[in-house]
Amino acid sequence: GQHPAMATEALVEFLEDLPCDLCQSFSVERRLLMEVSVARSAEALQRSLKTSDAQLESLEIAKDLRLAEASLEELVRHRRHTAFYKVVARDPGGDGRSFLSIYDGTTRYKLGMTIYDRNGGFFVHSSEEQAEASMQSFPRHSAAWAVPRTVLLVRGEGRVRLRHGKVLFDGLTPLMEVPASERRKENKILRSPWRR
């Protein structure tokens, strides 16, 4: 696990905004659906503004667009202190602060360092339980399939998409390694054969 003295600036920033009343009132899934919906509405309003010929109509569209953009900005602000989880491989040659993509075996995640993927993004889970349940769900052809795994607490960066019941971000910032829970240690179903 991570020693408290090793807390990154990103982790400290993440923790400063907790607890948040809005985030406690709405589930992560609901807030992500709102964000995706408002982003689509803003995009549609931008297209409408470009094609509108009537000045009065353009003023109304511009007003609606400003409201949508302000709402989206607020949802993204709350997402910055929302916990997401990523299952990763331990970096065999690492210093305990660097991890690898299980799927490609080369993408490196370093605590506190934001990383973006121009080829599609990063899948994450909206709960630690979902992440734990997916520990063994990687395809056998994954490059780091046999490397010991762990779960990272991450912050989602950039655009969010919902794909196949999963959350996908353009980028992420690994904040800390999630300590192995007693439940994970004792639950044989979740226990991977390569975990101690």
C-alpha atoms as a PDB file:
ATOM      1  CA  GLY A   1       0.000   0.000   0.000  1.00  0.00           C
ATOM      2  CA  GLN A   2       0.869   3.655   0.002  1.00  0.00           C
ATOM      3  CA  HIS A   3       2.491   5.323   2.999  1.00  0.00           C
ATOM      4  CA  PRO A   4       0.701   8.553   4.082  1.00  0.00           C
ATOM      5  CA  ALA A   5       3.912  10.550   3.545  1.00  0.00           C
ATOM      6  CA  MET A   6       3.805   9.530  -0.123  1.00  0.00           C
ATOM      7  CA  ALA A   7       0.471  11.303  -0.765  1.00  0.00           C
ATOM      8  CA  THR A   8       0.515  13.077  -4.097  1.00  0.00           C
ATOM      9  CA  GLU A   9      -0.729  16.612  -4.699  1.00  0.00           C
ATOM     10  CA  ALA A  10      -3.572  15.101  -6.774  1.00  0.00           C
ATOM     11  CA  LEU A  11      -4.662  12.902  -3.839  1.00  0.00           C
ATOM     12  CA  VAL A  12      -4.599  15.843  -1.412  1.00  0.00           C
ATOM     13  CA  GLU A  13      -6.704  17.919  -3.858  1.00  0.00           C
ATOM     14  CA  PHE A  14      -9.138  15.009  -4.230  1.00  0.00           C
ATOM     15  CA  LEU A  15      -9.556  14.648  -0.458  1.00  0.00           C
ATOM     16  CA  GLU A  16      -9.994  18.394   0.197  1.00  0.00           C
ATOM     17  CA  ASP A  17     -13.431  18.424  -1.467  1.00  0.00           C
ATOM     18  CA  LEU A  18     -14.824  15.504   0.548  1.00  0.00           C
ATOM     19  CA  PRO A  19     -17.496  15.053   1.719  1.00  0.00           C
ATOM     20  CA  CYS A  20     -19.698  16.793  -0.832  1.00  0.00           C
ATOM     21  CA  ASP A  21     -23.467  17.080  -0.276  1.00  0.00           C
ATOM     22  CA  LEU A  22     -24.337  16.911  -3.984  1.00  0.00           C
ATOM     23  CA  CYS A  23     -22.166  13.847  -4.541  1.00  0.00           C
ATOM     24  CA  GLN A  24     -23.737  12.123  -1.534  1.00  0.00           C
ATOM     25  CA  SER A  25     -27.246  12.955  -2.818  1.00  0.00           C
ATOM     26  CA  PHE A  26     -26.818  11.385  -6.265  1.00  0.00           C
ATOM     27  CA  SER A  27     -25.131   8.106  -7.171  1.00  0.00           C
ATOM     28  CA  VAL A  28     -21.991   8.170  -9.315  1.00  0.00           C
ATOM     29  CA  GLU A  29     -23.928   6.469 -12.115  1.00  0.00           C
ATOM     30  CA  ARG A  30     -26.678   9.095 -12.012  1.00  0.00           C
ATOM     31  CA  ARG A  31     -24.182  11.973 -12.078  1.00  0.00           C
ATOM     32  CA  LEU A  32     -22.308  10.403 -15.009  1.00  0.00           C
ATOM     33  CA  LEU A  33     -25.571   9.953 -16.934  1.00  0.00           C
ATOM     34  CA  MET A  34     -26.389  13.624 -16.280  1.00  0.00           C
ATOM     35  CA  GLU A  35     -22.920  14.654 -17.482  1.00  0.00           C
ATOM     36  CA  VAL A  36     -23.182  12.609 -20.688  1.00  0.00           C
ATOM     37  CA  SER A  37     -26.699  13.943 -21.348  1.00  0.00           C
ATOM     38  CA  VAL A  38     -25.765  17.594 -20.752  1.00  0.00           C
ATOM     39  CA  ALA A  39     -22.623  17.215 -22.924  1.00  0.00           C
ATOM     40  CA  ARG A  40     -24.768  15.849 -25.784  1.00  0.00           C
ATOM     41  CA  SER A  41     -27.235  18.721 -25.351  1.00  0.00           C
ATOM     42  CA  ALA A  42     -24.406  21.276 -25.435  1.00  0.00           C
ATOM     43  CA  GLU A  43     -23.035  19.710 -28.634  1.00  0.00           C
ATOM     44  CA  ALA A  44     -26.492  19.810 -30.249  1.00  0.00           C
ATOM     45  CA  LEU A  45     -26.943  23.458 -29.225  1.00  0.00           C
ATOM     46  CA  GLN A  46     -23.524  24.340 -30.694  1.00  0.00           C
ATOM     47  CA  ARG A  47     -24.559  22.742 -34.011  1.00  0.00           C
ATOM     48  CA  SER A  48     -27.903  24.585 -33.929  1.00  0.00           C
ATOM     49  CA  LEU A  49     -26.167  27.893 -33.264  1.00  0.00           C
ATOM     50  CA  LYS A  50     -23.946  27.406 -36.327  1.00  0.00           C
ATOM     51  CA  THR A  51     -26.897  26.687 -38.619  1.00  0.00           C
ATOM     52  CA  SER A  52     -29.387  29.231 -37.255  1.00  0.00           C
ATOM     53  CA  ASP A  53     -30.214  32.172 -39.532  1.00  0.00           C
ATOM     54  CA  ALA A  54     -32.645  34.024 -37.275  1.00  0.00           C
ATOM     55  CA  GLN A  55     -31.040  36.461 -34.822  1.00  0.00           C
ATOM     56  CA  LEU A  56     -33.684  36.024 -32.106  1.00  0.00           C
ATOM     57  CA  GLU A  57     -33.454  32.238 -32.365  1.00  0.00           C
ATOM     58  CA  SER A  58     -29.643  32.466 -32.168  1.00  0.00           C
ATOM     59  CA  LEU A  59     -29.880  34.527 -28.965  1.00  0.00           C
ATOM     60  CA  GLU A  60     -32.149  31.894 -27.365  1.00  0.00           C
ATOM     61  CA  ILE A  61     -29.865  29.061 -28.475  1.00  0.00           C
ATOM     62  CA  ALA A  62     -26.805  30.926 -27.147  1.00  0.00           C
ATOM     63  CA  LYS A  63     -28.546  31.432 -23.773  1.00  0.00           C
ATOM     64  CA  ASP A  64     -29.434  27.719 -23.576  1.00  0.00           C
ATOM     65  CA  LEU A  65     -25.884  26.819 -24.573  1.00  0.00           C
ATOM     66  CA  ARG A  66     -24.419  28.971 -21.758  1.00  0.00           C
ATOM     67  CA  LEU A  67     -26.727  27.219 -19.260  1.00  0.00           C
ATOM     68  CA  ALA A  68     -25.740  23.783 -20.571  1.00  0.00           C
ATOM     69  CA  GLU A  69     -22.027  24.659 -20.434  1.00  0.00           C
ATOM     70  CA  ALA A  70     -22.358  25.997 -16.858  1.00  0.00           C
ATOM     71  CA  SER A  71     -24.196  22.813 -15.809  1.00  0.00           C
ATOM     72  CA  LEU A  72     -21.567  20.646 -17.482  1.00  0.00           C
ATOM     73  CA  GLU A  73     -18.756  22.576 -15.797  1.00  0.00           C
ATOM     74  CA  GLU A  74     -20.403  22.011 -12.409  1.00  0.00           C
ATOM     75  CA  LEU A  75     -20.855  18.271 -13.040  1.00  0.00           C
ATOM     76  CA  VAL A  76     -17.199  17.957 -14.100  1.00  0.00           C
ATOM     77  CA  ARG A  77     -16.121  19.887 -10.978  1.00  0.00           C
ATOM     78  CA  HIS A  78     -17.928  17.322  -8.824  1.00  0.00           C
ATOM     79  CA  ARG A  79     -16.480  14.439 -10.840  1.00  0.00           C
ATOM     80  CA  ARG A  80     -12.982  15.657  -9.887  1.00  0.00           C
ATOM     81  CA  HIS A  81     -13.616  14.463  -6.323  1.00  0.00           C
ATOM     82  CA  THR A  82     -15.505  11.300  -7.253  1.00  0.00           C
ATOM     83  CA  ALA A  83     -13.755   8.001  -6.595  1.00  0.00           C
ATOM     84  CA  PHE A  84     -13.236   5.659  -9.536  1.00  0.00           C
ATOM     85  CA  TYR A  85     -11.275   2.411  -9.472  1.00  0.00           C
ATOM     86  CA  LYS A  86      -8.906   0.801 -11.987  1.00  0.00           C
ATOM     87  CA  VAL A  87      -7.638  -2.780 -11.879  1.00  0.00           C
ATOM     88  CA  VAL A  88      -3.953  -2.785 -12.839  1.00  0.00           C
ATOM     89  CA  ALA A  89      -0.878  -4.998 -12.764  1.00  0.00           C
ATOM     90  CA  ARG A  90       1.938  -4.321 -10.350  1.00  0.00           C
ATOM     91  CA  ASP A  91       5.001  -3.101 -12.237  1.00  0.00           C
ATOM     92  CA  PRO A  92       7.547  -5.921 -11.694  1.00  0.00           C
ATOM     93  CA  GLY A  93      10.437  -3.459 -12.045  1.00  0.00           C
ATOM     94  CA  GLY A  94       8.642  -0.572 -10.369  1.00  0.00           C
ATOM     95  CA  ASP A  95       9.110   1.357  -7.157  1.00  0.00           C
ATOM     96  CA  GLY A  96       5.635   0.613  -5.745  1.00  0.00           C
ATOM     97  CA  ARG A  97       4.261   3.861  -7.202  1.00  0.00           C
ATOM     98  CA  SER A  98       4.034   2.669 -10.799  1.00  0.00           C
ATOM     99  CA  PHE A  99       1.628   0.141 -12.298  1.00  0.00           C
ATOM    100  CA  LEU A 100       0.902  -1.379 -15.722  1.00  0.00           C
ATOM    101  CA  SER A 101      -2.116  -1.968 -17.905  1.00  0.00           C
ATOM    102  CA  ILE A 102      -3.095  -5.610 -17.632  1.00  0.00           C
ATOM    103  CA  TYR A 103      -4.445  -5.529 -21.171  1.00  0.00           C
ATOM    104  CA  ASP A 104      -1.432  -4.130 -23.071  1.00  0.00           C
ATOM    105  CA  GLY A 105       1.315  -4.604 -20.465  1.00  0.00           C
ATOM    106  CA  THR A 106       3.011  -1.345 -21.537  1.00  0.00           C
ATOM    107  CA  THR A 107       0.756   1.543 -20.487  1.00  0.00           C
ATOM    108  CA  ARG A 108       2.275   2.805 -17.242  1.00  0.00           C
ATOM    109  CA  TYR A 109       0.263   4.410 -14.445  1.00  0.00           C
ATOM    110  CA  LYS A 110       2.224   6.515 -11.932  1.00  0.00           C
ATOM    111  CA  LEU A 111       0.625   7.840  -8.762  1.00  0.00           C
ATOM    112  CA  GLY A 112      -0.219  11.526  -9.124  1.00  0.00           C
ATOM    113  CA  MET A 113       0.562  11.644 -12.869  1.00  0.00           C
ATOM    114  CA  THR A 114      -2.314  12.239 -15.299  1.00  0.00           C
ATOM    115  CA  ILE A 115      -2.254  10.080 -18.424  1.00  0.00           C
ATOM    116  CA  TYR A 116      -4.394  10.394 -21.564  1.00  0.00           C
ATOM    117  CA  ASP A 117      -5.169   7.732 -24.158  1.00  0.00           C
ATOM    118  CA  ARG A 118      -5.727   9.059 -27.660  1.00  0.00           C
ATOM    119  CA  ASN A 119      -6.817   5.607 -28.865  1.00  0.00           C
ATOM    120  CA  GLY A 120     -10.064   5.268 -26.975  1.00  0.00           C
ATOM    121  CA  GLY A 121      -9.608   5.905 -23.279  1.00  0.00           C
ATOM    122  CA  PHE A 122      -9.439   4.052 -19.991  1.00  0.00           C
ATOM    123  CA  PHE A 123     -12.119   1.808 -18.521  1.00  0.00           C
ATOM    124  CA  VAL A 124     -12.720   2.308 -14.802  1.00  0.00           C
ATOM    125  CA  HIS A 125     -15.220   1.118 -12.206  1.00  0.00           C
ATOM    126  CA  SER A 126     -17.509   3.329 -10.141  1.00  0.00           C
ATOM    127  CA  SER A 127     -17.061   1.228  -6.981  1.00  0.00           C
ATOM    128  CA  GLU A 128     -14.322  -0.727  -5.282  1.00  0.00           C
ATOM    129  CA  GLU A 129     -16.640  -3.760  -5.227  1.00  0.00           C
ATOM    130  CA  GLN A 130     -17.039  -3.662  -9.022  1.00  0.00           C
ATOM    131  CA  ALA A 131     -13.262  -3.431  -9.416  1.00  0.00           C
ATOM    132  CA  GLU A 132     -12.682  -6.364  -7.066  1.00  0.00           C
ATOM    133  CA  ALA A 133     -15.282  -8.438  -8.911  1.00  0.00           C
ATOM    134  CA  SER A 134     -13.496  -7.791 -12.218  1.00  0.00           C
ATOM    135  CA  MET A 135     -10.030  -8.824 -11.002  1.00  0.00           C
ATOM    136  CA  GLN A 136     -10.169 -12.072 -13.003  1.00  0.00           C
ATOM    137  CA  SER A 137     -12.265 -10.895 -15.950  1.00  0.00           C
ATOM    138  CA  PHE A 138      -9.412  -9.925 -18.280  1.00  0.00           C
ATOM    139  CA  PRO A 139      -8.939 -11.922 -21.479  1.00  0.00           C
ATOM    140  CA  ARG A 140      -6.239 -14.594 -21.204  1.00  0.00           C
ATOM    141  CA  HIS A 141      -4.401 -12.981 -24.144  1.00  0.00           C
ATOM    142  CA  SER A 142      -3.844  -9.795 -22.070  1.00  0.00           C
ATOM    143  CA  ALA A 143      -0.123  -8.952 -22.066  1.00  0.00           C
ATOM    144  CA  ALA A 144       0.162  -8.756 -18.250  1.00  0.00           C
ATOM    145  CA  TRP A 145      -2.404 -11.463 -17.531  1.00  0.00           C
ATOM    146  CA  ALA A 146      -0.122 -13.426 -15.161  1.00  0.00           C
ATOM    147  CA  VAL A 147       1.289 -10.376 -13.323  1.00  0.00           C
ATOM    148  CA  PRO A 148      -0.046  -9.758  -9.762  1.00  0.00           C
ATOM    149  CA  ARG A 149      -2.927  -7.292  -9.736  1.00  0.00           C
ATOM    150  CA  THR A 150      -4.128  -4.507  -7.510  1.00  0.00           C
ATOM    151  CA  VAL A 151      -6.769  -1.774  -7.520  1.00  0.00           C
ATOM    152  CA  LEU A 152      -6.009   1.942  -7.824  1.00  0.00           C
ATOM    153  CA  LEU A 153      -8.183   4.834  -6.716  1.00  0.00           C
ATOM    154  CA  VAL A 154      -8.243   7.153  -9.747  1.00  0.00           C
ATOM    155  CA  ARG A 155      -9.758  10.440 -10.864  1.00  0.00           C
ATOM    156  CA  GLY A 156     -11.452  10.465 -14.284  1.00  0.00           C
ATOM    157  CA  GLU A 157     -10.099  13.116 -16.670  1.00  0.00           C
ATOM    158  CA  GLY A 158     -11.475  14.569 -19.890  1.00  0.00           C
ATOM    159  CA  ARG A 159     -14.602  13.349 -21.598  1.00  0.00           C
ATOM    160  CA  VAL A 160     -16.640  10.530 -20.052  1.00  0.00           C
ATOM    161  CA  ARG A 161     -18.457   7.842 -22.040  1.00  0.00           C
ATOM    162  CA  LEU A 162     -20.546   4.913 -20.907  1.00  0.00           C
ATOM    163  CA  ARG A 163     -19.775   1.740 -22.881  1.00  0.00           C
ATOM    164  CA  HIS A 164     -21.058  -1.789 -22.292  1.00  0.00           C
ATOM    165  CA  GLY A 165     -22.063  -0.895 -18.735  1.00  0.00           C
ATOM    166  CA  LYS A 166     -18.578   0.471 -18.013  1.00  0.00           C
ATOM    167  CA  VAL A 167     -17.212   3.966 -17.508  1.00  0.00           C
ATOM    168  CA  LEU A 168     -14.645   5.187 -20.038  1.00  0.00           C
ATOM    169  CA  PHE A 169     -12.529   8.356 -19.629  1.00  0.00           C
ATOM    170  CA  ASP A 170     -10.121  10.064 -22.043  1.00  0.00           C
ATOM    171  CA  GLY A 171      -7.599  10.153 -19.221  1.00  0.00           C
ATOM    172  CA  LEU A 172      -7.096   9.354 -15.566  1.00  0.00           C
ATOM    173  CA  THR A 173      -4.966  10.340 -12.609  1.00  0.00           C
ATOM    174  CA  PRO A 174      -3.968   7.458 -10.304  1.00  0.00           C
ATOM    175  CA  LEU A 175      -4.311   8.743  -6.733  1.00  0.00           C
ATOM    176  CA  MET A 176      -3.395   5.779  -4.533  1.00  0.00           C
ATOM    177  CA  GLU A 177      -3.323   2.019  -4.309  1.00  0.00           C
ATOM    178  CA  VAL A 178      -6.424   0.725  -2.523  1.00  0.00           C
ATOM    179  CA  PRO A 179      -5.385  -1.447   0.430  1.00  0.00           C
ATOM    180  CA  ALA A 180      -6.545  -5.050   0.125  1.00  0.00           C
ATOM    181  CA  SER A 181      -9.759  -5.373   2.119  1.00  0.00           C
ATOM    182  CA  GLU A 182     -10.421  -8.186   4.530  1.00  0.00           C
ATOM    183  CA  ARG A 183     -13.318  -9.192   2.282  1.00  0.00           C
ATOM    184  CA  ARG A 184     -10.984  -9.610  -0.684  1.00  0.00           C
ATOM    185  CA  LYS A 185      -8.445 -11.563   1.381  1.00  0.00           C
ATOM    186  CA  GLU A 186     -11.093 -13.971   2.663  1.00  0.00           C
ATOM    187  CA  ASN A 187     -13.301 -14.328  -0.410  1.00  0.00           C
ATOM    188  CA  LYS A 188     -11.943 -17.233  -2.462  1.00  0.00           C
ATOM    189  CA  ILE A 189     -14.029 -16.265  -5.524  1.00  0.00           C
ATOM    190  CA  LEU A 190     -12.357 -12.860  -5.745  1.00  0.00           C
ATOM    191  CA  ARG A 191      -8.943 -14.183  -4.848  1.00  0.00           C
ATOM    192  CA  SER A 192      -6.763 -14.495  -7.920  1.00  0.00           C
ATOM    193  CA  PRO A 193      -4.427 -17.490  -7.961  1.00  0.00           C
ATOM    194  CA  TRP A 194      -1.375 -15.197  -8.284  1.00  0.00           C
ATOM    195  CA  ARG A 195      -2.325 -13.020  -5.257  1.00  0.00           C
ATOM    196  CA  ARG A 196      -0.747 -13.771  -1.903  1.00  0.00           C
END
